[in-house]
Amino acid sequence: MLAIRMQRKGRAHLPVYRIVVQEAQRHPLSGRVVAEVGNYNPHTKKVVLDREKVGYYLGHGAQPSSRVAYVLKKEGVEMPKWYKEREQKKAQVKNPDKLRKNQPKEEPTTEESGSEEIAE
């Protein structure tokens, strides 16, 4: 099965991503790429795509990663009918009773600290 995913290139703290088609079992940095279909620069938000290649591989069953699917939709590439968008995970609070906003409010005490003196 083929996957369309991003492959990180560039230097430290300045990534540039290639959008590639490769076997799903391979690691993105393995170098074994079936085709390069575009690139993405996150700093300038510039996307360059070969729409014909993207359409061809999507039409033949290549599975886009969630981030690549987001970029493709933003660029106006029509996704196939079989593609299902991943649902956003909702954050769950493990112990809501421990949250400060759920604690009972304390009355401010007006004790004077000067009234207590240490006797020698």
PDB file of N, CA and C in Angstrom:
ATOM      1  N   MET A   1       0.844  -1.172   0.000  1.00  0.00           N
ATOM      2  CA  MET A   1       0.000   0.000   0.000  1.00  0.00           C
ATOM      3  C   MET A   1       0.895   1.243   0.000  1.00  0.00           C
ATOM      4  N   LEU A   2       0.471   2.236  -0.723  1.00  0.00           N
ATOM      5  CA  LEU A   2       1.227   3.481  -0.821  1.00  0.00           C
ATOM      6  C   LEU A   2       0.684   4.525   0.138  1.00  0.00           C
ATOM      7  N   ALA A   3       1.552   5.392   0.578  1.00  0.00           N
ATOM      8  CA  ALA A   3       1.173   6.482   1.473  1.00  0.00           C
ATOM      9  C   ALA A   3       1.736   7.783   0.915  1.00  0.00           C
ATOM     10  N   ILE A   4       0.960   8.846   1.061  1.00  0.00           N
ATOM     11  CA  ILE A   4       1.440  10.181   0.714  1.00  0.00           C
ATOM     12  C   ILE A   4       1.735  10.869   2.034  1.00  0.00           C
ATOM     13  N   ARG A   5       2.991  11.242   2.229  1.00  0.00           N
ATOM     14  CA  ARG A   5       3.386  11.820   3.510  1.00  0.00           C
ATOM     15  C   ARG A   5       4.458  12.877   3.308  1.00  0.00           C
ATOM     16  N   MET A   6       4.807  13.534   4.395  1.00  0.00           N
ATOM     17  CA  MET A   6       5.838  14.558   4.344  1.00  0.00           C
ATOM     18  C   MET A   6       7.179  13.971   4.767  1.00  0.00           C
ATOM     19  N   GLN A   7       8.216  14.401   4.086  1.00  0.00           N
ATOM     20  CA  GLN A   7       9.571  13.974   4.394  1.00  0.00           C
ATOM     21  C   GLN A   7      10.366  15.222   4.752  1.00  0.00           C
ATOM     22  N   ARG A   8      10.916  15.247   5.957  1.00  0.00           N
ATOM     23  CA  ARG A   8      11.591  16.450   6.450  1.00  0.00           C
ATOM     24  C   ARG A   8      12.955  16.619   5.810  1.00  0.00           C
ATOM     25  N   LYS A   9      13.197  17.802   5.332  1.00  0.00           N
ATOM     26  CA  LYS A   9      14.494  18.186   4.783  1.00  0.00           C
ATOM     27  C   LYS A   9      14.854  19.532   5.396  1.00  0.00           C
ATOM     28  N   GLY A  10      15.952  20.101   4.982  1.00  0.00           N
ATOM     29  CA  GLY A  10      16.349  21.400   5.502  1.00  0.00           C
ATOM     30  C   GLY A  10      17.402  21.253   6.575  1.00  0.00           C
ATOM     31  N   ARG A  11      17.617  22.317   7.307  1.00  0.00           N
ATOM     32  CA  ARG A  11      18.635  22.290   8.349  1.00  0.00           C
ATOM     33  C   ARG A  11      17.985  22.406   9.722  1.00  0.00           C
ATOM     34  N   ALA A  12      18.797  22.436  10.746  1.00  0.00           N
ATOM     35  CA  ALA A  12      18.288  22.498  12.112  1.00  0.00           C
ATOM     36  C   ALA A  12      17.493  23.783  12.319  1.00  0.00           C
ATOM     37  N   HIS A  13      16.339  23.651  12.903  1.00  0.00           N
ATOM     38  CA  HIS A  13      15.436  24.760  13.228  1.00  0.00           C
ATOM     39  C   HIS A  13      14.874  25.459  11.990  1.00  0.00           C
ATOM     40  N   LEU A  14      15.067  24.918  10.806  1.00  0.00           N
ATOM     41  CA  LEU A  14      14.506  25.498   9.588  1.00  0.00           C
ATOM     42  C   LEU A  14      14.077  24.363   8.659  1.00  0.00           C
ATOM     43  N   PRO A  15      12.992  23.660   9.003  1.00  0.00           N
ATOM     44  CA  PRO A  15      12.599  22.518   8.186  1.00  0.00           C
ATOM     45  C   PRO A  15      11.909  22.937   6.894  1.00  0.00           C
ATOM     46  N   VAL A  16      12.058  22.094   5.894  1.00  0.00           N
ATOM     47  CA  VAL A  16      11.328  22.177   4.638  1.00  0.00           C
ATOM     48  C   VAL A  16      10.880  20.754   4.367  1.00  0.00           C
ATOM     49  N   TYR A  17       9.649  20.561   3.948  1.00  0.00           N
ATOM     50  CA  TYR A  17       9.121  19.220   3.776  1.00  0.00           C
ATOM     51  C   TYR A  17       8.873  18.923   2.302  1.00  0.00           C
ATOM     52  N   ARG A  18       9.252  17.713   1.881  1.00  0.00           N
ATOM     53  CA  ARG A  18       8.889  17.211   0.567  1.00  0.00           C
ATOM     54  C   ARG A  18       7.645  16.368   0.748  1.00  0.00           C
ATOM     55  N   ILE A  19       6.693  16.493  -0.150  1.00  0.00           N
ATOM     56  CA  ILE A  19       5.505  15.648  -0.119  1.00  0.00           C
ATOM     57  C   ILE A  19       5.787  14.508  -1.084  1.00  0.00           C
ATOM     58  N   VAL A  20       5.879  13.296  -0.534  1.00  0.00           N
ATOM     59  CA  VAL A  20       6.307  12.148  -1.318  1.00  0.00           C
ATOM     60  C   VAL A  20       5.295  11.015  -1.242  1.00  0.00           C
ATOM     61  N   VAL A  21       5.376  10.131  -2.235  1.00  0.00           N
ATOM     62  CA  VAL A  21       4.601   8.898  -2.252  1.00  0.00           C
ATOM     63  C   VAL A  21       5.599   7.771  -2.024  1.00  0.00           C
ATOM     64  N   GLN A  22       5.338   6.949  -1.012  1.00  0.00           N
ATOM     65  CA  GLN A  22       6.217   5.823  -0.740  1.00  0.00           C
ATOM     66  C   GLN A  22       5.421   4.705  -0.107  1.00  0.00           C
ATOM     67  N   GLU A  23       6.049   3.550   0.012  1.00  0.00           N
ATOM     68  CA  GLU A  23       5.382   2.417   0.628  1.00  0.00           C
ATOM     69  C   GLU A  23       5.079   2.757   2.083  1.00  0.00           C
ATOM     70  N   ALA A  24       3.904   2.352   2.538  1.00  0.00           N
ATOM     71  CA  ALA A  24       3.465   2.714   3.890  1.00  0.00           C
ATOM     72  C   ALA A  24       4.339   2.084   4.967  1.00  0.00           C
ATOM     73  N   GLN A  25       4.975   0.946   4.685  1.00  0.00           N
ATOM     74  CA  GLN A  25       5.784   0.270   5.687  1.00  0.00           C
ATOM     75  C   GLN A  25       7.151   0.927   5.869  1.00  0.00           C
ATOM     76  N   ARG A  26       7.559   1.747   4.946  1.00  0.00           N
ATOM     77  CA  ARG A  26       8.868   2.389   5.006  1.00  0.00           C
ATOM     78  C   ARG A  26       8.836   3.604   5.929  1.00  0.00           C
ATOM     79  N   HIS A  27       9.970   3.905   6.516  1.00  0.00           N
ATOM     80  CA  HIS A  27      10.114   5.111   7.324  1.00  0.00           C
ATOM     81  C   HIS A  27      10.251   6.300   6.373  1.00  0.00           C
ATOM     82  N   PRO A  28       9.703   7.460   6.723  1.00  0.00           N
ATOM     83  CA  PRO A  28       9.786   8.608   5.819  1.00  0.00           C
ATOM     84  C   PRO A  28      11.206   8.994   5.435  1.00  0.00           C
ATOM     85  N   LEU A  29      12.183   8.742   6.295  1.00  0.00           N
ATOM     86  CA  LEU A  29      13.556   9.120   5.981  1.00  0.00           C
ATOM     87  C   LEU A  29      14.358   8.004   5.322  1.00  0.00           C
ATOM     88  N   SER A  30      13.703   6.901   4.973  1.00  0.00           N
ATOM     89  CA  SER A  30      14.430   5.768   4.407  1.00  0.00           C
ATOM     90  C   SER A  30      15.032   6.079   3.041  1.00  0.00           C
ATOM     91  N   GLY A  31      14.460   7.022   2.329  1.00  0.00           N
ATOM     92  CA  GLY A  31      14.988   7.370   1.013  1.00  0.00           C
ATOM     93  C   GLY A  31      14.314   6.628  -0.115  1.00  0.00           C
ATOM     94  N   ARG A  32      13.579   5.572   0.184  1.00  0.00           N
ATOM     95  CA  ARG A  32      12.886   4.816  -0.847  1.00  0.00           C
ATOM     96  C   ARG A  32      11.574   5.508  -1.172  1.00  0.00           C
ATOM     97  N   VAL A  33      11.597   6.308  -2.206  1.00  0.00           N
ATOM     98  CA  VAL A  33      10.445   7.114  -2.582  1.00  0.00           C
ATOM     99  C   VAL A  33       9.963   6.679  -3.956  1.00  0.00           C
ATOM    100  N   VAL A  34       8.655   6.477  -4.091  1.00  0.00           N
ATOM    101  CA  VAL A  34       8.078   6.132  -5.387  1.00  0.00           C
ATOM    102  C   VAL A  34       8.036   7.373  -6.269  1.00  0.00           C
ATOM    103  N   ALA A  35       7.543   8.480  -5.699  1.00  0.00           N
ATOM    104  CA  ALA A  35       7.461   9.730  -6.467  1.00  0.00           C
ATOM    105  C   ALA A  35       7.435  10.911  -5.520  1.00  0.00           C
ATOM    106  N   GLU A  36       7.985  12.022  -5.967  1.00  0.00           N
ATOM    107  CA  GLU A  36       7.875  13.275  -5.235  1.00  0.00           C
ATOM    108  C   GLU A  36       6.782  14.096  -5.912  1.00  0.00           C
ATOM    109  N   VAL A  37       5.769  14.495  -5.149  1.00  0.00           N
ATOM    110  CA  VAL A  37       4.628  15.189  -5.748  1.00  0.00           C
ATOM    111  C   VAL A  37       4.552  16.660  -5.348  1.00  0.00           C
ATOM    112  N   GLY A  38       5.459  17.126  -4.504  1.00  0.00           N
ATOM    113  CA  GLY A  38       5.445  18.534  -4.145  1.00  0.00           C
ATOM    114  C   GLY A  38       6.339  18.821  -2.957  1.00  0.00           C
ATOM    115  N   ASN A  39       6.263  20.066  -2.479  1.00  0.00           N
ATOM    116  CA  ASN A  39       6.994  20.438  -1.278  1.00  0.00           C
ATOM    117  C   ASN A  39       6.221  21.505  -0.522  1.00  0.00           C
ATOM    118  N   TYR A  40       6.601  21.666   0.758  1.00  0.00           N
ATOM    119  CA  TYR A  40       5.897  22.576   1.658  1.00  0.00           C
ATOM    120  C   TYR A  40       6.920  23.252   2.555  1.00  0.00           C
ATOM    121  N   ASN A  41       6.854  24.578   2.613  1.00  0.00           N
ATOM    122  CA  ASN A  41       7.717  25.352   3.486  1.00  0.00           C
ATOM    123  C   ASN A  41       6.843  25.941   4.593  1.00  0.00           C
ATOM    124  N   PRO A  42       6.956  25.467   5.846  1.00  0.00           N
ATOM    125  CA  PRO A  42       6.080  25.942   6.916  1.00  0.00           C
ATOM    126  C   PRO A  42       6.339  27.377   7.336  1.00  0.00           C
ATOM    127  N   HIS A  43       7.514  27.927   7.018  1.00  0.00           N
ATOM    128  CA  HIS A  43       7.820  29.290   7.429  1.00  0.00           C
ATOM    129  C   HIS A  43       7.147  30.308   6.521  1.00  0.00           C
ATOM    130  N   THR A  44       7.128  30.027   5.234  1.00  0.00           N
ATOM    131  CA  THR A  44       6.488  30.946   4.290  1.00  0.00           C
ATOM    132  C   THR A  44       5.091  30.476   3.921  1.00  0.00           C
ATOM    133  N   LYS A  45       4.693  29.283   4.391  1.00  0.00           N
ATOM    134  CA  LYS A  45       3.409  28.652   4.086  1.00  0.00           C
ATOM    135  C   LYS A  45       3.234  28.419   2.580  1.00  0.00           C
ATOM    136  N   LYS A  46       4.347  28.253   1.876  1.00  0.00           N
ATOM    137  CA  LYS A  46       4.311  28.045   0.436  1.00  0.00           C
ATOM    138  C   LYS A  46       4.198  26.558   0.130  1.00  0.00           C
ATOM    139  N   VAL A  47       3.237  26.208  -0.720  1.00  0.00           N
ATOM    140  CA  VAL A  47       3.025  24.828  -1.122  1.00  0.00           C
ATOM    141  C   VAL A  47       3.140  24.748  -2.641  1.00  0.00           C
ATOM    142  N   VAL A  48       3.952  23.817  -3.113  1.00  0.00           N
ATOM    143  CA  VAL A  48       4.078  23.557  -4.540  1.00  0.00           C
ATOM    144  C   VAL A  48       3.662  22.113  -4.761  1.00  0.00           C
ATOM    145  N   LEU A  49       2.638  21.893  -5.598  1.00  0.00           N
ATOM    146  CA  LEU A  49       2.119  20.548  -5.839  1.00  0.00           C
ATOM    147  C   LEU A  49       2.062  20.255  -7.325  1.00  0.00           C
ATOM    148  N   ASP A  50       2.310  19.002  -7.681  1.00  0.00           N
ATOM    149  CA  ASP A  50       2.036  18.517  -9.024  1.00  0.00           C
ATOM    150  C   ASP A  50       0.668  17.841  -8.937  1.00  0.00           C
ATOM    151  N   ARG A  51      -0.376  18.582  -9.277  1.00  0.00           N
ATOM    152  CA  ARG A  51      -1.756  18.119  -9.084  1.00  0.00           C
ATOM    153  C   ARG A  51      -2.066  16.845  -9.876  1.00  0.00           C
ATOM    154  N   GLU A  52      -1.471  16.691 -11.045  1.00  0.00           N
ATOM    155  CA  GLU A  52      -1.726  15.493 -11.849  1.00  0.00           C
ATOM    156  C   GLU A  52      -1.214  14.244 -11.134  1.00  0.00           C
ATOM    157  N   LYS A  53      -0.001  14.326 -10.583  1.00  0.00           N
ATOM    158  CA  LYS A  53       0.560  13.179  -9.869  1.00  0.00           C
ATOM    159  C   LYS A  53      -0.232  12.883  -8.599  1.00  0.00           C
ATOM    160  N   VAL A  54      -0.602  13.936  -7.878  1.00  0.00           N
ATOM    161  CA  VAL A  54      -1.380  13.741  -6.647  1.00  0.00           C
ATOM    162  C   VAL A  54      -2.704  13.071  -6.979  1.00  0.00           C
ATOM    163  N   GLY A  55      -3.384  13.553  -8.001  1.00  0.00           N
ATOM    164  CA  GLY A  55      -4.655  12.953  -8.411  1.00  0.00           C
ATOM    165  C   GLY A  55      -4.498  11.512  -8.854  1.00  0.00           C
ATOM    166  N   TYR A  56      -3.406  11.232  -9.566  1.00  0.00           N
ATOM    167  CA  TYR A  56      -3.158   9.869 -10.037  1.00  0.00           C
ATOM    168  C   TYR A  56      -2.987   8.920  -8.859  1.00  0.00           C
ATOM    169  N   TYR A  57      -2.134   9.283  -7.913  1.00  0.00           N
ATOM    170  CA  TYR A  57      -1.867   8.387  -6.786  1.00  0.00           C
ATOM    171  C   TYR A  57      -3.058   8.283  -5.841  1.00  0.00           C
ATOM    172  N   LEU A  58      -3.805   9.354  -5.656  1.00  0.00           N
ATOM    173  CA  LEU A  58      -5.025   9.273  -4.843  1.00  0.00           C
ATOM    174  C   LEU A  58      -6.051   8.383  -5.531  1.00  0.00           C
ATOM    175  N   GLY A  59      -6.130   8.489  -6.844  1.00  0.00           N
ATOM    176  CA  GLY A  59      -7.065   7.661  -7.598  1.00  0.00           C
ATOM    177  C   GLY A  59      -6.712   6.184  -7.569  1.00  0.00           C
ATOM    178  N   HIS A  60      -5.443   5.871  -7.360  1.00  0.00           N
ATOM    179  CA  HIS A  60      -4.999   4.483  -7.316  1.00  0.00           C
ATOM    180  C   HIS A  60      -4.809   3.978  -5.891  1.00  0.00           C
ATOM    181  N   GLY A  61      -5.375   4.671  -4.907  1.00  0.00           N
ATOM    182  CA  GLY A  61      -5.440   4.148  -3.545  1.00  0.00           C
ATOM    183  C   GLY A  61      -4.357   4.584  -2.587  1.00  0.00           C
ATOM    184  N   ALA A  62      -3.543   5.568  -2.932  1.00  0.00           N
ATOM    185  CA  ALA A  62      -2.527   6.036  -1.990  1.00  0.00           C
ATOM    186  C   ALA A  62      -3.207   6.753  -0.829  1.00  0.00           C
ATOM    187  N   GLN A  63      -2.822   6.403   0.384  1.00  0.00           N
ATOM    188  CA  GLN A  63      -3.451   6.940   1.593  1.00  0.00           C
ATOM    189  C   GLN A  63      -2.679   8.169   2.073  1.00  0.00           C
ATOM    190  N   PRO A  64      -3.303   9.356   2.094  1.00  0.00           N
ATOM    191  CA  PRO A  64      -2.584  10.537   2.592  1.00  0.00           C
ATOM    192  C   PRO A  64      -2.550  10.558   4.117  1.00  0.00           C
ATOM    193  N   SER A  65      -1.454  11.089   4.670  1.00  0.00           N
ATOM    194  CA  SER A  65      -1.401  11.279   6.115  1.00  0.00           C
ATOM    195  C   SER A  65      -2.350  12.419   6.475  1.00  0.00           C
ATOM    196  N   SER A  66      -2.642  12.567   7.741  1.00  0.00           N
ATOM    197  CA  SER A  66      -3.608  13.588   8.153  1.00  0.00           C
ATOM    198  C   SER A  66      -3.115  14.990   7.817  1.00  0.00           C
ATOM    199  N   ARG A  67      -1.826  15.255   8.016  1.00  0.00           N
ATOM    200  CA  ARG A  67      -1.277  16.580   7.726  1.00  0.00           C
ATOM    201  C   ARG A  67      -1.247  16.839   6.226  1.00  0.00           C
ATOM    202  N   VAL A  68      -0.900  15.846   5.439  1.00  0.00           N
ATOM    203  CA  VAL A  68      -0.886  16.004   3.979  1.00  0.00           C
ATOM    204  C   VAL A  68      -2.310  16.224   3.472  1.00  0.00           C
ATOM    205  N   ALA A  69      -3.282  15.510   4.034  1.00  0.00           N
ATOM    206  CA  ALA A  69      -4.673  15.692   3.630  1.00  0.00           C
ATOM    207  C   ALA A  69      -5.128  17.116   3.921  1.00  0.00           C
ATOM    208  N   TYR A  70      -4.707  17.665   5.066  1.00  0.00           N
ATOM    209  CA  TYR A  70      -5.049  19.044   5.413  1.00  0.00           C
ATOM    210  C   TYR A  70      -4.464  20.013   4.390  1.00  0.00           C
ATOM    211  N   VAL A  71      -3.206  19.801   4.009  1.00  0.00           N
ATOM    212  CA  VAL A  71      -2.554  20.676   3.035  1.00  0.00           C
ATOM    213  C   VAL A  71      -3.218  20.545   1.669  1.00  0.00           C
ATOM    214  N   LEU A  72      -3.555  19.316   1.263  1.00  0.00           N
ATOM    215  CA  LEU A  72      -4.195  19.103  -0.030  1.00  0.00           C
ATOM    216  C   LEU A  72      -5.562  19.777  -0.091  1.00  0.00           C
ATOM    217  N   LYS A  73      -6.337  19.662   0.982  1.00  0.00           N
ATOM    218  CA  LYS A  73      -7.649  20.314   1.016  1.00  0.00           C
ATOM    219  C   LYS A  73      -7.503  21.828   0.945  1.00  0.00           C
ATOM    220  N   LYS A  74      -6.513  22.346   1.652  1.00  0.00           N
ATOM    221  CA  LYS A  74      -6.286  23.788   1.657  1.00  0.00           C
ATOM    222  C   LYS A  74      -5.904  24.292   0.264  1.00  0.00           C
ATOM    223  N   GLU A  75      -5.213  23.449  -0.501  1.00  0.00           N
ATOM    224  CA  GLU A  75      -4.801  23.805  -1.860  1.00  0.00           C
ATOM    225  C   GLU A  75      -5.898  23.533  -2.886  1.00  0.00           C
ATOM    226  N   GLY A  76      -7.011  22.953  -2.456  1.00  0.00           N
ATOM    227  CA  GLY A  76      -8.140  22.745  -3.361  1.00  0.00           C
ATOM    228  C   GLY A  76      -8.128  21.425  -4.108  1.00  0.00           C
ATOM    229  N   VAL A  77      -7.329  20.474  -3.661  1.00  0.00           N
ATOM    230  CA  VAL A  77      -7.307  19.150  -4.287  1.00  0.00           C
ATOM    231  C   VAL A  77      -8.492  18.363  -3.756  1.00  0.00           C
ATOM    232  N   GLU A  78      -9.259  17.764  -4.665  1.00  0.00           N
ATOM    233  CA  GLU A  78     -10.437  17.015  -4.262  1.00  0.00           C
ATOM    234  C   GLU A  78     -10.026  15.644  -3.729  1.00  0.00           C
ATOM    235  N   MET A  79     -10.474  15.326  -2.541  1.00  0.00           N
ATOM    236  CA  MET A  79     -10.144  14.045  -1.921  1.00  0.00           C
ATOM    237  C   MET A  79     -11.103  12.973  -2.444  1.00  0.00           C
ATOM    238  N   PRO A  80     -10.653  11.716  -2.538  1.00  0.00           N
ATOM    239  CA  PRO A  80     -11.525  10.642  -3.003  1.00  0.00           C
ATOM    240  C   PRO A  80     -12.664  10.376  -2.020  1.00  0.00           C
ATOM    241  N   LYS A  81     -13.710   9.724  -2.493  1.00  0.00           N
ATOM    242  CA  LYS A  81     -14.876   9.451  -1.648  1.00  0.00           C
ATOM    243  C   LYS A  81     -14.552   8.492  -0.514  1.00  0.00           C
ATOM    244  N   TRP A  82     -13.583   7.601  -0.714  1.00  0.00           N
ATOM    245  CA  TRP A  82     -13.264   6.610   0.310  1.00  0.00           C
ATOM    246  C   TRP A  82     -12.455   7.188   1.461  1.00  0.00           C
ATOM    247  N   TYR A  83     -11.904   8.392   1.299  1.00  0.00           N
ATOM    248  CA  TYR A  83     -11.072   8.979   2.349  1.00  0.00           C
ATOM    249  C   TYR A  83     -11.932   9.430   3.522  1.00  0.00           C
ATOM    250  N   LYS A  84     -11.570   8.984   4.727  1.00  0.00           N
ATOM    251  CA  LYS A  84     -12.279   9.391   5.944  1.00  0.00           C
ATOM    252  C   LYS A  84     -11.361  10.276   6.760  1.00  0.00           C
ATOM    253  N   GLU A  85     -11.849  11.434   7.093  1.00  0.00           N
ATOM    254  CA  GLU A  85     -11.063  12.391   7.875  1.00  0.00           C
ATOM    255  C   GLU A  85     -11.010  11.941   9.326  1.00  0.00           C
ATOM    256  N   ARG A  86      -9.830  12.063   9.935  1.00  0.00           N
ATOM    257  CA  ARG A  86      -9.688  11.683  11.334  1.00  0.00           C
ATOM    258  C   ARG A  86     -10.392  12.698  12.226  1.00  0.00           C
ATOM    259  N   GLU A  87     -11.021  12.188  13.277  1.00  0.00           N
ATOM    260  CA  GLU A  87     -11.711  13.072  14.209  1.00  0.00           C
ATOM    261  C   GLU A  87     -10.718  13.676  15.188  1.00  0.00           C
ATOM    262  N   GLN A  88     -10.975  14.912  15.574  1.00  0.00           N
ATOM    263  CA  GLN A  88     -10.128  15.588  16.547  1.00  0.00           C
ATOM    264  C   GLN A  88     -10.345  14.958  17.920  1.00  0.00           C
ATOM    265  N   LYS A  89      -9.269  14.720  18.616  1.00  0.00           N
ATOM    266  CA  LYS A  89      -9.382  14.194  19.973  1.00  0.00           C
ATOM    267  C   LYS A  89      -9.733  15.328  20.917  1.00  0.00           C
ATOM    268  N   LYS A  90     -10.618  15.028  21.849  1.00  0.00           N
ATOM    269  CA  LYS A  90     -10.977  16.024  22.854  1.00  0.00           C
ATOM    270  C   LYS A  90     -10.201  15.720  24.131  1.00  0.00           C
ATOM    271  N   ALA A  91      -9.656  16.757  24.712  1.00  0.00           N
ATOM    272  CA  ALA A  91      -8.872  16.592  25.933  1.00  0.00           C
ATOM    273  C   ALA A  91      -9.793  16.235  27.093  1.00  0.00           C
ATOM    274  N   GLN A  92      -9.374  15.276  27.875  1.00  0.00           N
ATOM    275  CA  GLN A  92     -10.134  14.883  29.046  1.00  0.00           C
ATOM    276  C   GLN A  92      -9.309  15.191  30.288  1.00  0.00           C
ATOM    277  N   VAL A  93      -9.976  15.713  31.298  1.00  0.00           N
ATOM    278  CA  VAL A  93      -9.315  16.001  32.561  1.00  0.00           C
ATOM    279  C   VAL A  93      -9.402  14.741  33.409  1.00  0.00           C
ATOM    280  N   LYS A  94      -8.254  14.271  33.900  1.00  0.00           N
ATOM    281  CA  LYS A  94      -8.242  13.026  34.651  1.00  0.00           C
ATOM    282  C   LYS A  94      -8.919  13.162  36.013  1.00  0.00           C
ATOM    283  N   ASN A  95      -8.629  14.235  36.737  1.00  0.00           N
ATOM    284  CA  ASN A  95      -9.212  14.448  38.060  1.00  0.00           C
ATOM    285  C   ASN A  95      -9.830  15.842  38.129  1.00  0.00           C
ATOM    286  N   PRO A  96     -11.061  15.998  37.642  1.00  0.00           N
ATOM    287  CA  PRO A  96     -11.646  17.345  37.627  1.00  0.00           C
ATOM    288  C   PRO A  96     -11.884  17.914  39.024  1.00  0.00           C
ATOM    289  N   ASP A  97     -12.017  17.055  40.036  1.00  0.00           N
ATOM    290  CA  ASP A  97     -12.251  17.556  41.384  1.00  0.00           C
ATOM    291  C   ASP A  97     -11.001  18.204  41.977  1.00  0.00           C
ATOM    292  N   LYS A  98      -9.826  17.970  41.388  1.00  0.00           N
ATOM    293  CA  LYS A  98      -8.597  18.565  41.885  1.00  0.00           C
ATOM    294  C   LYS A  98      -8.309  19.934  41.277  1.00  0.00           C
ATOM    295  N   LEU A  99      -9.087  20.323  40.290  1.00  0.00           N
ATOM    296  CA  LEU A  99      -8.860  21.616  39.666  1.00  0.00           C
ATOM    297  C   LEU A  99      -9.162  22.747  40.636  1.00  0.00           C
ATOM    298  N   ARG A 100      -8.401  23.807  40.539  1.00  0.00           N
ATOM    299  CA  ARG A 100      -8.569  24.940  41.450  1.00  0.00           C
ATOM    300  C   ARG A 100      -9.961  25.560  41.309  1.00  0.00           C
ATOM    301  N   LYS A 101     -10.480  25.591  40.083  1.00  0.00           N
ATOM    302  CA  LYS A 101     -11.795  26.216  39.883  1.00  0.00           C
ATOM    303  C   LYS A 101     -12.922  25.394  40.506  1.00  0.00           C
ATOM    304  N   ASN A 102     -12.680  24.108  40.785  1.00  0.00           N
ATOM    305  CA  ASN A 102     -13.693  23.257  41.394  1.00  0.00           C
ATOM    306  C   ASN A 102     -13.537  23.121  42.910  1.00  0.00           C
ATOM    307  N   GLN A 103     -12.544  23.797  43.485  1.00  0.00           N
ATOM    308  CA  GLN A 103     -12.328  23.745  44.923  1.00  0.00           C
ATOM    309  C   GLN A 103     -13.269  24.723  45.629  1.00  0.00           C
ATOM    310  N   PRO A 104     -13.673  24.419  46.879  1.00  0.00           N
ATOM    311  CA  PRO A 104     -14.519  25.367  47.614  1.00  0.00           C
ATOM    312  C   PRO A 104     -13.730  26.634  47.928  1.00  0.00           C
ATOM    313  N   LYS A 105     -14.415  27.756  47.848  1.00  0.00           N
ATOM    314  CA  LYS A 105     -13.746  29.041  48.074  1.00  0.00           C
ATOM    315  C   LYS A 105     -13.500  29.234  49.565  1.00  0.00           C
ATOM    316  N   GLU A 106     -12.316  29.707  49.886  1.00  0.00           N
ATOM    317  CA  GLU A 106     -11.959  29.954  51.282  1.00  0.00           C
ATOM    318  C   GLU A 106     -12.193  31.412  51.611  1.00  0.00           C
ATOM    319  N   GLU A 107     -12.637  31.653  52.847  1.00  0.00           N
ATOM    320  CA  GLU A 107     -12.844  33.011  53.323  1.00  0.00           C
ATOM    321  C   GLU A 107     -11.484  33.605  53.691  1.00  0.00           C
ATOM    322  N   PRO A 108     -11.213  34.828  53.282  1.00  0.00           N
ATOM    323  CA  PRO A 108      -9.927  35.436  53.666  1.00  0.00           C
ATOM    324  C   PRO A 108      -9.915  35.713  55.165  1.00  0.00           C
ATOM    325  N   THR A 109      -8.838  35.310  55.808  1.00  0.00           N
ATOM    326  CA  THR A 109      -8.722  35.530  57.254  1.00  0.00           C
ATOM    327  C   THR A 109      -8.015  36.852  57.495  1.00  0.00           C
ATOM    328  N   THR A 110      -8.445  37.566  58.565  1.00  0.00           N
ATOM    329  CA  THR A 110      -7.864  38.876  58.889  1.00  0.00           C
ATOM    330  C   THR A 110      -7.129  38.794  60.226  1.00  0.00           C
ATOM    331  N   GLU A 111      -6.153  37.932  60.310  1.00  0.00           N
ATOM    332  CA  GLU A 111      -5.345  37.817  61.523  1.00  0.00           C
ATOM    333  C   GLU A 111      -4.142  38.738  61.386  1.00  0.00           C
ATOM    334  N   GLU A 112      -3.852  39.376  62.468  1.00  0.00           N
ATOM    335  CA  GLU A 112      -2.673  40.258  62.462  1.00  0.00           C
ATOM    336  C   GLU A 112      -1.469  39.445  62.904  1.00  0.00           C
ATOM    337  N   SER A 113      -0.441  39.542  62.159  1.00  0.00           N
ATOM    338  CA  SER A 113       0.760  38.774  62.474  1.00  0.00           C
ATOM    339  C   SER A 113       1.561  39.428  63.599  1.00  0.00           C
ATOM    340  N   GLY A 114       1.301  40.690  63.935  1.00  0.00           N
ATOM    341  CA  GLY A 114       2.034  41.384  64.981  1.00  0.00           C
ATOM    342  C   GLY A 114       1.578  41.034  66.375  1.00  0.00           C
ATOM    343  N   SER A 115       0.402  40.423  66.538  1.00  0.00           N
ATOM    344  CA  SER A 115      -0.127  40.116  67.867  1.00  0.00           C
ATOM    345  C   SER A 115       0.590  38.932  68.506  1.00  0.00           C
ATOM    346  N   GLU A 116       1.224  38.119  67.715  1.00  0.00           N
ATOM    347  CA  GLU A 116       1.918  36.967  68.265  1.00  0.00           C
ATOM    348  C   GLU A 116       3.390  37.354  68.472  1.00  0.00           C
ATOM    349  N   GLU A 117       3.828  37.322  69.736  1.00  0.00           N
ATOM    350  CA  GLU A 117       5.220  37.610  70.064  1.00  0.00           C
ATOM    351  C   GLU A 117       5.833  36.414  70.753  1.00  0.00           C
ATOM    352  N   ILE A 118       7.068  36.210  70.503  1.00  0.00           N
ATOM    353  CA  ILE A 118       7.759  35.078  71.100  1.00  0.00           C
ATOM    354  C   ILE A 118       8.348  35.531  72.444  1.00  0.00           C
ATOM    355  N   ALA A 119       7.991  34.819  73.516  1.00  0.00           N
ATOM    356  CA  ALA A 119       8.502  35.143  74.858  1.00  0.00           C
ATOM    357  C   ALA A 119       9.791  34.388  75.107  1.00  0.00           C
ATOM    358  N   GLU A 120      10.738  35.109  75.666  1.00  0.00           N
ATOM    359  CA  GLU A 120      12.025  34.485  75.966  1.00  0.00           C
ATOM    360  C   GLU A 120      12.140  34.139  77.423  1.00  0.00           C
TER     361      GLU A 120
END
